[in-house]
N, C-alpha and C. Protein backbone atom coordinates (compact mmCIF):
# COMPACT_ATOMS: atom_id res chain seq x y z
N MET A 1 -43.32 -0.61 47.10
CA MET A 1 -43.15 -1.49 45.94
C MET A 1 -43.04 -0.66 44.65
N LYS A 2 -43.91 0.36 44.57
CA LYS A 2 -43.87 1.24 43.41
C LYS A 2 -42.55 1.98 43.34
N LYS A 3 -42.04 2.39 44.53
CA LYS A 3 -40.76 3.10 44.59
C LYS A 3 -39.63 2.20 44.11
N TYR A 4 -39.71 0.91 44.48
CA TYR A 4 -38.69 -0.06 44.08
C TYR A 4 -38.70 -0.23 42.56
N GLY A 5 -39.93 -0.29 42.01
CA GLY A 5 -40.06 -0.44 40.56
C GLY A 5 -39.50 0.76 39.82
N LEU A 6 -39.75 1.96 40.35
CA LEU A 6 -39.21 3.16 39.72
C LEU A 6 -37.68 3.16 39.76
N GLY A 7 -37.15 2.65 40.89
CA GLY A 7 -35.69 2.59 41.03
C GLY A 7 -35.08 1.65 40.02
N CYS A 8 -35.68 0.50 39.81
CA CYS A 8 -35.18 -0.46 38.82
C CYS A 8 -35.28 0.11 37.41
N GLY A 9 -36.39 0.82 37.16
CA GLY A 9 -36.57 1.42 35.85
C GLY A 9 -35.52 2.47 35.56
N ALA A 10 -35.22 3.26 36.58
CA ALA A 10 -34.19 4.29 36.41
C ALA A 10 -32.83 3.66 36.17
N LEU A 11 -32.57 2.54 36.86
CA LEU A 11 -31.30 1.84 36.69
C LEU A 11 -31.16 1.29 35.28
N VAL A 12 -32.27 0.73 34.77
CA VAL A 12 -32.26 0.18 33.41
C VAL A 12 -32.01 1.29 32.39
N VAL A 13 -32.67 2.43 32.61
CA VAL A 13 -32.48 3.57 31.71
C VAL A 13 -31.04 4.05 31.76
N LEU A 14 -30.48 4.10 32.97
CA LEU A 14 -29.09 4.55 33.13
C LEU A 14 -28.13 3.60 32.43
N LEU A 15 -28.34 2.30 32.63
CA LEU A 15 -27.47 1.31 31.98
C LEU A 15 -27.61 1.39 30.47
N GLY A 16 -28.86 1.59 30.01
CA GLY A 16 -29.08 1.72 28.58
C GLY A 16 -28.35 2.93 28.01
N ALA A 17 -28.37 4.03 28.76
CA ALA A 17 -27.69 5.24 28.32
C ALA A 17 -26.18 5.02 28.25
N ILE A 18 -25.65 4.31 29.25
CA ILE A 18 -24.21 4.03 29.28
C ILE A 18 -23.80 3.17 28.08
N VAL A 19 -24.64 2.14 27.80
CA VAL A 19 -24.35 1.26 26.66
C VAL A 19 -24.42 2.05 25.35
N LEU A 20 -25.44 2.93 25.24
CA LEU A 20 -25.62 3.72 24.03
C LEU A 20 -24.44 4.66 23.81
N ILE A 21 -24.02 5.33 24.89
CA ILE A 21 -22.88 6.26 24.79
C ILE A 21 -21.61 5.50 24.44
N GLY A 22 -21.43 4.33 25.12
CA GLY A 22 -20.24 3.52 24.84
C GLY A 22 -20.24 3.01 23.41
N GLY A 23 -21.45 2.62 22.94
CA GLY A 23 -21.56 2.13 21.57
C GLY A 23 -21.25 3.22 20.56
N CYS A 24 -21.75 4.42 20.81
CA CYS A 24 -21.49 5.55 19.91
C CYS A 24 -20.01 5.89 19.88
N SER A 25 -19.39 5.85 21.06
CA SER A 25 -17.96 6.14 21.15
C SER A 25 -17.16 5.08 20.41
N GLY A 26 -17.54 3.81 20.59
CA GLY A 26 -16.85 2.73 19.89
C GLY A 26 -17.02 2.82 18.38
N TYR A 27 -18.24 3.17 17.95
CA TYR A 27 -18.52 3.32 16.52
C TYR A 27 -17.67 4.44 15.93
N ASN A 28 -17.63 5.56 16.62
CA ASN A 28 -16.85 6.70 16.13
C ASN A 28 -15.37 6.35 16.05
N SER A 29 -14.91 5.56 17.01
CA SER A 29 -13.51 5.14 17.01
C SER A 29 -13.21 4.23 15.81
N LEU A 30 -14.15 3.34 15.50
CA LEU A 30 -13.97 2.45 14.36
C LEU A 30 -13.99 3.23 13.05
N VAL A 31 -14.89 4.20 12.95
CA VAL A 31 -14.95 5.04 11.75
C VAL A 31 -13.63 5.78 11.56
N LYS A 32 -13.12 6.33 12.64
CA LYS A 32 -11.85 7.07 12.57
C LYS A 32 -10.71 6.15 12.16
N GLY A 33 -10.68 4.95 12.74
CA GLY A 33 -9.62 4.00 12.41
C GLY A 33 -9.70 3.54 10.97
N SER A 34 -10.93 3.29 10.48
CA SER A 34 -11.11 2.85 9.11
C SER A 34 -10.71 3.94 8.12
N GLN A 35 -11.06 5.18 8.43
CA GLN A 35 -10.69 6.29 7.55
C GLN A 35 -9.18 6.51 7.55
N ASN A 36 -8.55 6.27 8.67
CA ASN A 36 -7.09 6.40 8.74
C ASN A 36 -6.42 5.35 7.85
N VAL A 37 -6.97 4.13 7.87
CA VAL A 37 -6.44 3.07 7.00
C VAL A 37 -6.61 3.47 5.53
N ASP A 38 -7.79 3.97 5.18
CA ASP A 38 -8.04 4.39 3.80
C ASP A 38 -7.10 5.53 3.38
N SER A 39 -6.84 6.44 4.30
CA SER A 39 -5.94 7.55 4.01
C SER A 39 -4.53 7.04 3.72
N LYS A 40 -4.06 6.09 4.54
CA LYS A 40 -2.72 5.53 4.33
C LYS A 40 -2.68 4.72 3.04
N TRP A 41 -3.78 4.04 2.73
CA TRP A 41 -3.85 3.28 1.49
C TRP A 41 -3.73 4.20 0.28
N ALA A 42 -4.40 5.35 0.34
CA ALA A 42 -4.33 6.31 -0.76
C ALA A 42 -2.90 6.78 -0.98
N GLN A 43 -2.14 6.95 0.10
CA GLN A 43 -0.74 7.37 -0.02
C GLN A 43 0.11 6.27 -0.66
N VAL A 44 -0.17 5.02 -0.30
CA VAL A 44 0.53 3.90 -0.93
C VAL A 44 0.25 3.91 -2.43
N GLN A 45 -1.01 4.07 -2.77
CA GLN A 45 -1.41 4.08 -4.17
C GLN A 45 -0.78 5.24 -4.94
N ASN A 46 -0.67 6.39 -4.30
CA ASN A 46 -0.05 7.55 -4.94
C ASN A 46 1.39 7.24 -5.35
N GLN A 47 2.12 6.58 -4.46
CA GLN A 47 3.53 6.29 -4.74
C GLN A 47 3.67 5.21 -5.81
N TYR A 48 2.80 4.19 -5.76
CA TYR A 48 2.84 3.18 -6.81
C TYR A 48 2.47 3.80 -8.16
N GLN A 49 1.52 4.72 -8.17
CA GLN A 49 1.14 5.39 -9.41
C GLN A 49 2.29 6.23 -9.94
N ARG A 50 3.02 6.86 -9.03
CA ARG A 50 4.18 7.66 -9.43
C ARG A 50 5.21 6.77 -10.13
N ARG A 51 5.46 5.58 -9.57
CA ARG A 51 6.40 4.66 -10.21
C ARG A 51 5.86 4.21 -11.56
N PHE A 52 4.57 3.89 -11.61
CA PHE A 52 3.92 3.46 -12.84
C PHE A 52 4.10 4.49 -13.95
N ASP A 53 3.97 5.77 -13.58
CA ASP A 53 4.08 6.85 -14.55
C ASP A 53 5.52 7.12 -15.00
N LEU A 54 6.48 6.75 -14.17
CA LEU A 54 7.89 6.97 -14.52
C LEU A 54 8.39 5.97 -15.56
N ILE A 55 7.78 4.80 -15.61
CA ILE A 55 8.32 3.70 -16.40
C ILE A 55 8.39 3.99 -17.90
N PRO A 56 7.36 4.56 -18.52
CA PRO A 56 7.49 4.81 -19.97
C PRO A 56 8.70 5.66 -20.35
N ASN A 57 8.95 6.71 -19.57
CA ASN A 57 10.13 7.54 -19.85
C ASN A 57 11.42 6.78 -19.64
N LEU A 58 11.45 5.94 -18.60
CA LEU A 58 12.65 5.14 -18.33
C LEU A 58 12.90 4.16 -19.46
N VAL A 59 11.84 3.49 -19.90
CA VAL A 59 11.97 2.52 -20.99
C VAL A 59 12.42 3.21 -22.28
N ASN A 60 11.84 4.35 -22.57
CA ASN A 60 12.24 5.09 -23.78
C ASN A 60 13.70 5.50 -23.73
N THR A 61 14.16 5.89 -22.54
CA THR A 61 15.55 6.33 -22.40
C THR A 61 16.53 5.19 -22.60
N VAL A 62 16.28 4.05 -21.95
CA VAL A 62 17.22 2.92 -22.09
C VAL A 62 17.12 2.31 -23.48
N SER A 63 15.97 2.44 -24.13
CA SER A 63 15.82 1.90 -25.49
C SER A 63 16.73 2.64 -26.46
N GLY A 64 17.11 3.86 -26.10
CA GLY A 64 17.99 4.64 -26.96
C GLY A 64 19.43 4.18 -26.93
N ALA A 65 19.79 3.34 -25.94
CA ALA A 65 21.16 2.82 -25.88
C ALA A 65 21.34 1.72 -26.92
N ALA A 66 22.47 1.76 -27.59
CA ALA A 66 22.72 0.79 -28.66
C ALA A 66 22.70 -0.63 -28.12
N ASN A 67 21.96 -1.51 -28.79
CA ASN A 67 21.91 -2.94 -28.48
C ASN A 67 21.42 -3.24 -27.05
N PHE A 68 20.62 -2.34 -26.49
CA PHE A 68 20.10 -2.63 -25.15
C PHE A 68 19.19 -3.85 -25.23
N GLU A 69 19.29 -4.71 -24.22
CA GLU A 69 18.58 -6.00 -24.23
C GLU A 69 17.07 -5.81 -24.33
N LYS A 70 16.49 -6.22 -25.45
CA LYS A 70 15.07 -6.03 -25.70
C LYS A 70 14.21 -6.86 -24.74
N SER A 71 14.71 -8.04 -24.36
CA SER A 71 13.91 -8.91 -23.49
C SER A 71 13.68 -8.26 -22.13
N THR A 72 14.67 -7.51 -21.66
CA THR A 72 14.53 -6.82 -20.37
C THR A 72 13.49 -5.72 -20.45
N ILE A 73 13.52 -4.98 -21.55
CA ILE A 73 12.54 -3.91 -21.75
C ILE A 73 11.14 -4.51 -21.86
N THR A 74 11.02 -5.63 -22.58
CA THR A 74 9.73 -6.29 -22.74
C THR A 74 9.18 -6.76 -21.41
N GLU A 75 10.07 -7.28 -20.57
CA GLU A 75 9.66 -7.77 -19.25
C GLU A 75 9.06 -6.64 -18.40
N VAL A 76 9.72 -5.49 -18.43
CA VAL A 76 9.22 -4.34 -17.67
C VAL A 76 7.88 -3.87 -18.23
N THR A 77 7.79 -3.80 -19.53
CA THR A 77 6.56 -3.34 -20.17
C THR A 77 5.39 -4.27 -19.85
N GLU A 78 5.63 -5.57 -19.91
CA GLU A 78 4.57 -6.54 -19.63
C GLU A 78 4.17 -6.51 -18.15
N ALA A 79 5.16 -6.35 -17.26
CA ALA A 79 4.87 -6.29 -15.82
C ALA A 79 4.04 -5.04 -15.52
N ARG A 80 4.36 -3.93 -16.18
CA ARG A 80 3.59 -2.71 -15.99
C ARG A 80 2.15 -2.91 -16.47
N ALA A 81 1.99 -3.61 -17.58
CA ALA A 81 0.65 -3.87 -18.10
C ALA A 81 -0.17 -4.71 -17.12
N ARG A 82 0.47 -5.68 -16.48
CA ARG A 82 -0.24 -6.53 -15.51
C ARG A 82 -0.69 -5.71 -14.31
N VAL A 83 0.13 -4.75 -13.89
CA VAL A 83 -0.26 -3.87 -12.79
C VAL A 83 -1.51 -3.09 -13.18
N GLY A 84 -1.55 -2.61 -14.42
CA GLY A 84 -2.69 -1.84 -14.88
C GLY A 84 -3.96 -2.64 -14.98
N GLN A 85 -3.84 -3.97 -15.04
CA GLN A 85 -5.00 -4.84 -15.16
C GLN A 85 -5.62 -5.19 -13.80
N VAL A 86 -4.92 -4.86 -12.72
CA VAL A 86 -5.44 -5.15 -11.39
C VAL A 86 -6.41 -4.05 -10.98
N ASN A 87 -7.68 -4.38 -10.92
CA ASN A 87 -8.70 -3.39 -10.55
C ASN A 87 -8.83 -3.30 -9.04
N ILE A 88 -8.43 -2.17 -8.49
CA ILE A 88 -8.49 -1.99 -7.05
C ILE A 88 -8.76 -0.51 -6.75
N ASN A 89 -9.59 -0.27 -5.76
CA ASN A 89 -9.98 1.11 -5.42
C ASN A 89 -8.78 1.86 -4.85
N PRO A 90 -8.36 2.97 -5.48
CA PRO A 90 -7.19 3.70 -4.99
C PRO A 90 -7.43 4.48 -3.71
N ASN A 91 -8.71 4.66 -3.34
CA ASN A 91 -9.02 5.49 -2.17
C ASN A 91 -9.61 4.72 -1.00
N GLN A 92 -9.84 3.43 -1.18
CA GLN A 92 -10.41 2.62 -0.10
C GLN A 92 -9.63 1.33 0.03
N ALA A 93 -9.10 1.09 1.21
CA ALA A 93 -8.28 -0.09 1.44
C ALA A 93 -9.09 -1.36 1.21
N PRO A 94 -8.49 -2.36 0.57
CA PRO A 94 -9.22 -3.62 0.33
C PRO A 94 -9.49 -4.37 1.62
N THR A 95 -10.62 -5.07 1.65
CA THR A 95 -10.96 -5.91 2.81
C THR A 95 -10.75 -7.38 2.49
N ASP A 96 -10.54 -7.68 1.20
CA ASP A 96 -10.32 -9.06 0.77
C ASP A 96 -8.82 -9.33 0.68
N PRO A 97 -8.30 -10.24 1.51
CA PRO A 97 -6.86 -10.55 1.48
C PRO A 97 -6.39 -11.01 0.10
N ALA A 98 -7.24 -11.76 -0.61
CA ALA A 98 -6.86 -12.26 -1.94
C ALA A 98 -6.68 -11.11 -2.93
N GLN A 99 -7.52 -10.09 -2.80
CA GLN A 99 -7.42 -8.93 -3.69
C GLN A 99 -6.13 -8.17 -3.43
N LEU A 100 -5.79 -7.98 -2.16
CA LEU A 100 -4.54 -7.29 -1.83
C LEU A 100 -3.34 -8.12 -2.26
N GLU A 101 -3.43 -9.44 -2.12
CA GLU A 101 -2.33 -10.31 -2.52
C GLU A 101 -2.09 -10.23 -4.02
N LYS A 102 -3.17 -10.19 -4.79
CA LYS A 102 -3.04 -10.08 -6.25
C LYS A 102 -2.38 -8.75 -6.62
N PHE A 103 -2.81 -7.68 -5.97
CA PHE A 103 -2.23 -6.37 -6.21
C PHE A 103 -0.74 -6.36 -5.85
N GLU A 104 -0.43 -6.92 -4.68
CA GLU A 104 0.95 -6.93 -4.21
C GLU A 104 1.84 -7.78 -5.10
N GLN A 105 1.31 -8.89 -5.59
CA GLN A 105 2.08 -9.76 -6.47
C GLN A 105 2.44 -9.04 -7.77
N ALA A 106 1.45 -8.33 -8.35
CA ALA A 106 1.71 -7.60 -9.59
C ALA A 106 2.74 -6.50 -9.37
N GLN A 107 2.63 -5.77 -8.26
CA GLN A 107 3.59 -4.72 -7.96
C GLN A 107 4.97 -5.29 -7.70
N GLY A 108 5.02 -6.45 -7.03
CA GLY A 108 6.30 -7.08 -6.77
C GLY A 108 7.00 -7.52 -8.04
N GLN A 109 6.23 -8.05 -8.99
CA GLN A 109 6.80 -8.46 -10.27
C GLN A 109 7.33 -7.26 -11.04
N LEU A 110 6.62 -6.16 -10.96
CA LEU A 110 7.09 -4.94 -11.63
C LEU A 110 8.37 -4.44 -10.99
N GLY A 111 8.42 -4.46 -9.66
CA GLY A 111 9.63 -4.04 -8.96
C GLY A 111 10.83 -4.89 -9.33
N SER A 112 10.61 -6.21 -9.43
CA SER A 112 11.70 -7.11 -9.81
C SER A 112 12.17 -6.86 -11.23
N ALA A 113 11.22 -6.62 -12.12
CA ALA A 113 11.58 -6.35 -13.52
C ALA A 113 12.37 -5.06 -13.63
N LEU A 114 11.98 -4.04 -12.86
CA LEU A 114 12.72 -2.78 -12.85
C LEU A 114 14.13 -2.98 -12.32
N SER A 115 14.26 -3.80 -11.28
CA SER A 115 15.59 -4.08 -10.73
C SER A 115 16.50 -4.69 -11.77
N ARG A 116 15.97 -5.66 -12.53
CA ARG A 116 16.78 -6.31 -13.56
C ARG A 116 17.15 -5.33 -14.67
N LEU A 117 16.20 -4.47 -15.04
CA LEU A 117 16.49 -3.48 -16.08
C LEU A 117 17.64 -2.56 -15.65
N LEU A 118 17.61 -2.14 -14.40
CA LEU A 118 18.65 -1.22 -13.92
C LEU A 118 20.00 -1.91 -13.78
N VAL A 119 19.99 -3.18 -13.45
CA VAL A 119 21.25 -3.93 -13.38
C VAL A 119 21.84 -4.07 -14.79
N VAL A 120 20.99 -4.39 -15.75
CA VAL A 120 21.45 -4.50 -17.14
C VAL A 120 22.01 -3.16 -17.62
N ALA A 121 21.38 -2.08 -17.18
CA ALA A 121 21.80 -0.75 -17.61
C ALA A 121 23.23 -0.43 -17.22
N GLU A 122 23.75 -1.12 -16.21
CA GLU A 122 25.14 -0.89 -15.78
C GLU A 122 26.13 -1.23 -16.89
N ARG A 123 25.71 -2.06 -17.83
CA ARG A 123 26.60 -2.47 -18.91
C ARG A 123 26.66 -1.44 -20.04
N TYR A 124 25.90 -0.35 -19.88
CA TYR A 124 25.82 0.65 -20.94
C TYR A 124 26.23 2.01 -20.40
N PRO A 125 27.54 2.24 -20.27
CA PRO A 125 28.02 3.49 -19.69
C PRO A 125 27.61 4.73 -20.47
N GLU A 126 27.22 4.56 -21.74
CA GLU A 126 26.80 5.73 -22.50
C GLU A 126 25.52 6.35 -21.92
N LEU A 127 24.78 5.55 -21.13
CA LEU A 127 23.58 6.09 -20.49
C LEU A 127 23.94 7.16 -19.44
N LYS A 128 25.16 7.07 -18.94
CA LYS A 128 25.61 8.04 -17.94
C LYS A 128 25.59 9.46 -18.50
N ALA A 129 25.84 9.55 -19.80
CA ALA A 129 25.88 10.87 -20.43
C ALA A 129 24.47 11.42 -20.70
N THR A 130 23.47 10.60 -20.47
CA THR A 130 22.09 11.02 -20.71
C THR A 130 21.53 11.64 -19.44
N GLN A 131 21.31 12.92 -19.47
CA GLN A 131 20.81 13.62 -18.30
C GLN A 131 19.42 13.11 -17.89
N ASN A 132 18.64 12.76 -18.89
CA ASN A 132 17.30 12.27 -18.62
C ASN A 132 17.34 10.99 -17.80
N PHE A 133 18.29 10.09 -18.13
CA PHE A 133 18.40 8.83 -17.41
C PHE A 133 18.78 9.06 -15.96
N GLY A 134 19.73 9.97 -15.73
CA GLY A 134 20.14 10.28 -14.37
C GLY A 134 18.99 10.81 -13.53
N GLY A 135 18.17 11.69 -14.13
CA GLY A 135 17.03 12.23 -13.41
C GLY A 135 15.99 11.17 -13.10
N LEU A 136 15.74 10.28 -14.08
CA LEU A 136 14.78 9.20 -13.86
C LEU A 136 15.28 8.23 -12.81
N GLN A 137 16.57 7.97 -12.83
CA GLN A 137 17.19 7.07 -11.84
C GLN A 137 16.96 7.61 -10.43
N ALA A 138 17.20 8.91 -10.25
CA ALA A 138 17.02 9.53 -8.94
C ALA A 138 15.55 9.54 -8.52
N GLU A 139 14.66 9.82 -9.47
CA GLU A 139 13.22 9.83 -9.17
C GLU A 139 12.73 8.45 -8.77
N LEU A 140 13.21 7.44 -9.48
CA LEU A 140 12.79 6.07 -9.18
C LEU A 140 13.29 5.65 -7.80
N ALA A 141 14.53 6.00 -7.48
CA ALA A 141 15.08 5.65 -6.17
C ALA A 141 14.24 6.29 -5.06
N GLY A 142 13.92 7.58 -5.24
CA GLY A 142 13.12 8.26 -4.23
C GLY A 142 11.73 7.67 -4.11
N THR A 143 11.14 7.32 -5.24
CA THR A 143 9.79 6.74 -5.24
C THR A 143 9.77 5.39 -4.56
N GLU A 144 10.76 4.56 -4.84
CA GLU A 144 10.82 3.23 -4.22
C GLU A 144 10.96 3.35 -2.70
N ASN A 145 11.74 4.32 -2.26
CA ASN A 145 11.88 4.52 -0.82
C ASN A 145 10.57 4.99 -0.20
N ARG A 146 9.86 5.87 -0.91
CA ARG A 146 8.58 6.35 -0.39
C ARG A 146 7.54 5.23 -0.37
N ILE A 147 7.59 4.33 -1.35
CA ILE A 147 6.68 3.18 -1.36
C ILE A 147 6.88 2.35 -0.10
N ALA A 148 8.14 2.09 0.23
CA ALA A 148 8.44 1.29 1.42
C ALA A 148 7.92 1.97 2.68
N VAL A 149 8.10 3.29 2.77
CA VAL A 149 7.64 4.04 3.94
C VAL A 149 6.12 4.01 4.04
N GLU A 150 5.43 4.24 2.92
CA GLU A 150 3.97 4.29 2.94
C GLU A 150 3.37 2.92 3.21
N ARG A 151 4.01 1.86 2.74
CA ARG A 151 3.54 0.51 3.06
C ARG A 151 3.64 0.26 4.56
N MET A 152 4.73 0.70 5.16
CA MET A 152 4.92 0.52 6.59
C MET A 152 3.84 1.29 7.37
N ARG A 153 3.58 2.53 6.95
CA ARG A 153 2.55 3.33 7.62
C ARG A 153 1.17 2.72 7.45
N PHE A 154 0.91 2.15 6.28
CA PHE A 154 -0.37 1.48 6.05
C PHE A 154 -0.53 0.30 7.00
N ASN A 155 0.50 -0.52 7.11
CA ASN A 155 0.43 -1.67 8.01
C ASN A 155 0.22 -1.25 9.46
N GLU A 156 0.84 -0.15 9.86
CA GLU A 156 0.67 0.35 11.23
C GLU A 156 -0.78 0.79 11.46
N ALA A 157 -1.37 1.45 10.46
CA ALA A 157 -2.76 1.89 10.58
C ALA A 157 -3.70 0.69 10.62
N VAL A 158 -3.42 -0.33 9.81
CA VAL A 158 -4.24 -1.54 9.81
C VAL A 158 -4.14 -2.26 11.16
N GLN A 159 -2.94 -2.30 11.70
CA GLN A 159 -2.75 -2.96 13.00
C GLN A 159 -3.58 -2.28 14.08
N SER A 160 -3.56 -0.95 14.10
CA SER A 160 -4.32 -0.20 15.09
C SER A 160 -5.82 -0.43 14.91
N TYR A 161 -6.27 -0.39 13.67
CA TYR A 161 -7.69 -0.59 13.37
C TYR A 161 -8.12 -2.01 13.74
N ASN A 162 -7.34 -3.01 13.32
CA ASN A 162 -7.70 -4.40 13.61
C ASN A 162 -7.73 -4.68 15.11
N THR A 163 -6.83 -4.03 15.84
CA THR A 163 -6.82 -4.20 17.30
C THR A 163 -8.14 -3.70 17.89
N SER A 164 -8.63 -2.58 17.38
CA SER A 164 -9.91 -2.02 17.85
C SER A 164 -11.06 -2.95 17.51
N VAL A 165 -11.07 -3.46 16.27
CA VAL A 165 -12.16 -4.32 15.81
C VAL A 165 -12.23 -5.61 16.61
N GLN A 166 -11.07 -6.14 16.99
CA GLN A 166 -11.03 -7.46 17.62
C GLN A 166 -10.97 -7.40 19.14
N SER A 167 -10.99 -6.20 19.71
CA SER A 167 -10.94 -6.07 21.16
C SER A 167 -12.35 -5.98 21.75
N LEU A 168 -12.51 -6.49 22.96
CA LEU A 168 -13.79 -6.38 23.66
C LEU A 168 -13.92 -4.98 24.26
N PRO A 169 -15.12 -4.41 24.31
CA PRO A 169 -16.39 -5.01 23.85
C PRO A 169 -16.69 -4.73 22.38
N THR A 170 -15.78 -4.04 21.68
CA THR A 170 -16.06 -3.61 20.30
C THR A 170 -16.36 -4.78 19.39
N ARG A 171 -15.66 -5.89 19.56
CA ARG A 171 -15.84 -7.02 18.65
C ARG A 171 -17.25 -7.60 18.72
N LEU A 172 -18.00 -7.30 19.79
CA LEU A 172 -19.36 -7.81 19.95
C LEU A 172 -20.33 -7.17 18.95
N TYR A 173 -20.00 -5.95 18.50
CA TYR A 173 -20.92 -5.27 17.58
C TYR A 173 -20.24 -4.74 16.32
N ALA A 174 -18.92 -4.81 16.23
CA ALA A 174 -18.21 -4.25 15.07
C ALA A 174 -18.68 -4.88 13.77
N GLY A 175 -18.77 -6.21 13.74
CA GLY A 175 -19.20 -6.90 12.54
C GLY A 175 -20.61 -6.52 12.11
N LEU A 176 -21.50 -6.34 13.10
CA LEU A 176 -22.89 -5.96 12.81
C LEU A 176 -22.96 -4.58 12.18
N MET A 177 -21.98 -3.73 12.48
CA MET A 177 -21.94 -2.38 11.93
C MET A 177 -21.12 -2.30 10.64
N GLY A 178 -20.64 -3.43 10.17
CA GLY A 178 -19.90 -3.45 8.91
C GLY A 178 -18.41 -3.23 9.03
N PHE A 179 -17.87 -3.34 10.25
CA PHE A 179 -16.43 -3.16 10.44
C PHE A 179 -15.78 -4.53 10.62
N HIS A 180 -14.87 -4.85 9.70
CA HIS A 180 -14.19 -6.14 9.74
C HIS A 180 -12.68 -5.92 9.64
N PRO A 181 -11.87 -6.88 10.11
CA PRO A 181 -10.41 -6.74 10.01
C PRO A 181 -9.97 -6.56 8.56
N LYS A 182 -8.92 -5.79 8.37
CA LYS A 182 -8.39 -5.53 7.03
C LYS A 182 -7.04 -6.23 6.88
N PRO A 183 -6.69 -6.66 5.66
CA PRO A 183 -5.42 -7.36 5.44
C PRO A 183 -4.22 -6.42 5.41
N TYR A 184 -3.06 -6.99 5.73
CA TYR A 184 -1.79 -6.26 5.73
C TYR A 184 -1.04 -6.52 4.42
N PHE A 185 -0.10 -5.64 4.13
CA PHE A 185 0.93 -5.97 3.16
C PHE A 185 1.85 -7.00 3.81
N LYS A 186 2.29 -7.97 3.06
CA LYS A 186 3.20 -8.98 3.59
C LYS A 186 4.62 -8.43 3.60
N ALA A 187 5.34 -8.75 4.67
CA ALA A 187 6.73 -8.29 4.77
C ALA A 187 7.67 -9.20 4.01
N ALA A 188 7.25 -10.45 3.80
CA ALA A 188 8.14 -11.43 3.17
C ALA A 188 8.22 -11.20 1.67
N GLY A 189 9.26 -11.74 1.07
CA GLY A 189 9.41 -11.72 -0.37
C GLY A 189 10.24 -10.58 -0.90
N GLY A 190 10.46 -9.54 -0.10
CA GLY A 190 11.32 -8.44 -0.51
C GLY A 190 10.72 -7.51 -1.53
N SER A 191 9.38 -7.65 -1.79
CA SER A 191 8.78 -6.78 -2.80
C SER A 191 8.73 -5.33 -2.36
N GLU A 192 8.85 -5.12 -1.03
CA GLU A 192 8.82 -3.74 -0.55
C GLU A 192 10.18 -3.08 -0.57
N ALA A 193 11.23 -3.86 -0.87
CA ALA A 193 12.58 -3.31 -0.86
C ALA A 193 12.83 -2.53 -2.15
N PRO A 194 13.42 -1.33 -2.03
CA PRO A 194 13.71 -0.55 -3.24
C PRO A 194 14.71 -1.26 -4.12
N PRO A 195 14.53 -1.25 -5.44
CA PRO A 195 15.53 -1.83 -6.31
C PRO A 195 16.83 -1.05 -6.25
N LYS A 196 17.92 -1.71 -6.49
CA LYS A 196 19.22 -1.04 -6.49
C LYS A 196 19.29 -0.15 -7.71
N VAL A 197 19.58 1.12 -7.49
CA VAL A 197 19.60 2.07 -8.61
C VAL A 197 20.91 2.85 -8.67
N GLU A 198 21.92 2.36 -7.96
CA GLU A 198 23.22 3.02 -8.01
C GLU A 198 24.08 2.31 -9.04
N PHE A 199 24.83 3.09 -9.78
CA PHE A 199 25.63 2.53 -10.86
C PHE A 199 27.10 2.90 -10.69
N ASP A 200 27.95 2.02 -11.13
CA ASP A 200 29.38 2.31 -11.20
C ASP A 200 29.76 2.19 -12.66
N PHE A 201 29.74 3.30 -13.35
CA PHE A 201 30.01 3.29 -14.79
C PHE A 201 31.50 3.19 -15.09
N ASN A 202 32.32 3.19 -14.04
CA ASN A 202 33.76 3.09 -14.27
C ASN A 202 34.27 1.65 -14.29
N LYS A 203 33.30 0.70 -14.06
CA LYS A 203 33.69 -0.70 -14.09
C LYS A 203 34.11 -1.10 -15.51
N LYS A 204 35.10 -1.93 -15.58
CA LYS A 204 35.56 -2.43 -16.88
C LYS A 204 34.77 -3.68 -17.27
């Protein structure tokens, strides 16, 4: 009887060890996934910040064109200001979908305003002679493309992380350890699409 009791005790200890090891492995996996999401988020933020920093020079350059539409410049300036008012951690991905939606909405409005500014700029061929404008145009195009790429990579990292959080047996303890699903960037609305920045200054 005593031997049987020792056997059961050993089995319980063994099962406990297996659960502990599995739990540690699952925890480490969640930590790694969460840090990967944060890393991708930081890259998204870097590219949005790059665009944010390009805008003053772009606005100053187009303002130098005779009779350039002031309302278009004002729209870009105001949209940039709204982006600056969105308080969000640049190094840690948001866990609140509403917070990410607010951030995405502000960035989308800025992207749309930039698109309109560049379309209006087509009517001012004298900007073609401005070397500064050409350089800013190329920088903006590259930045918009990088934004789209980094958003895609962020969503892929979130998908992998969320799959881990919501899969068994991890979902049984993930929430207790502070790991919860993270929101995605939305694909709809076209806010991730780069604005058109190619010009045909030979149009009549």
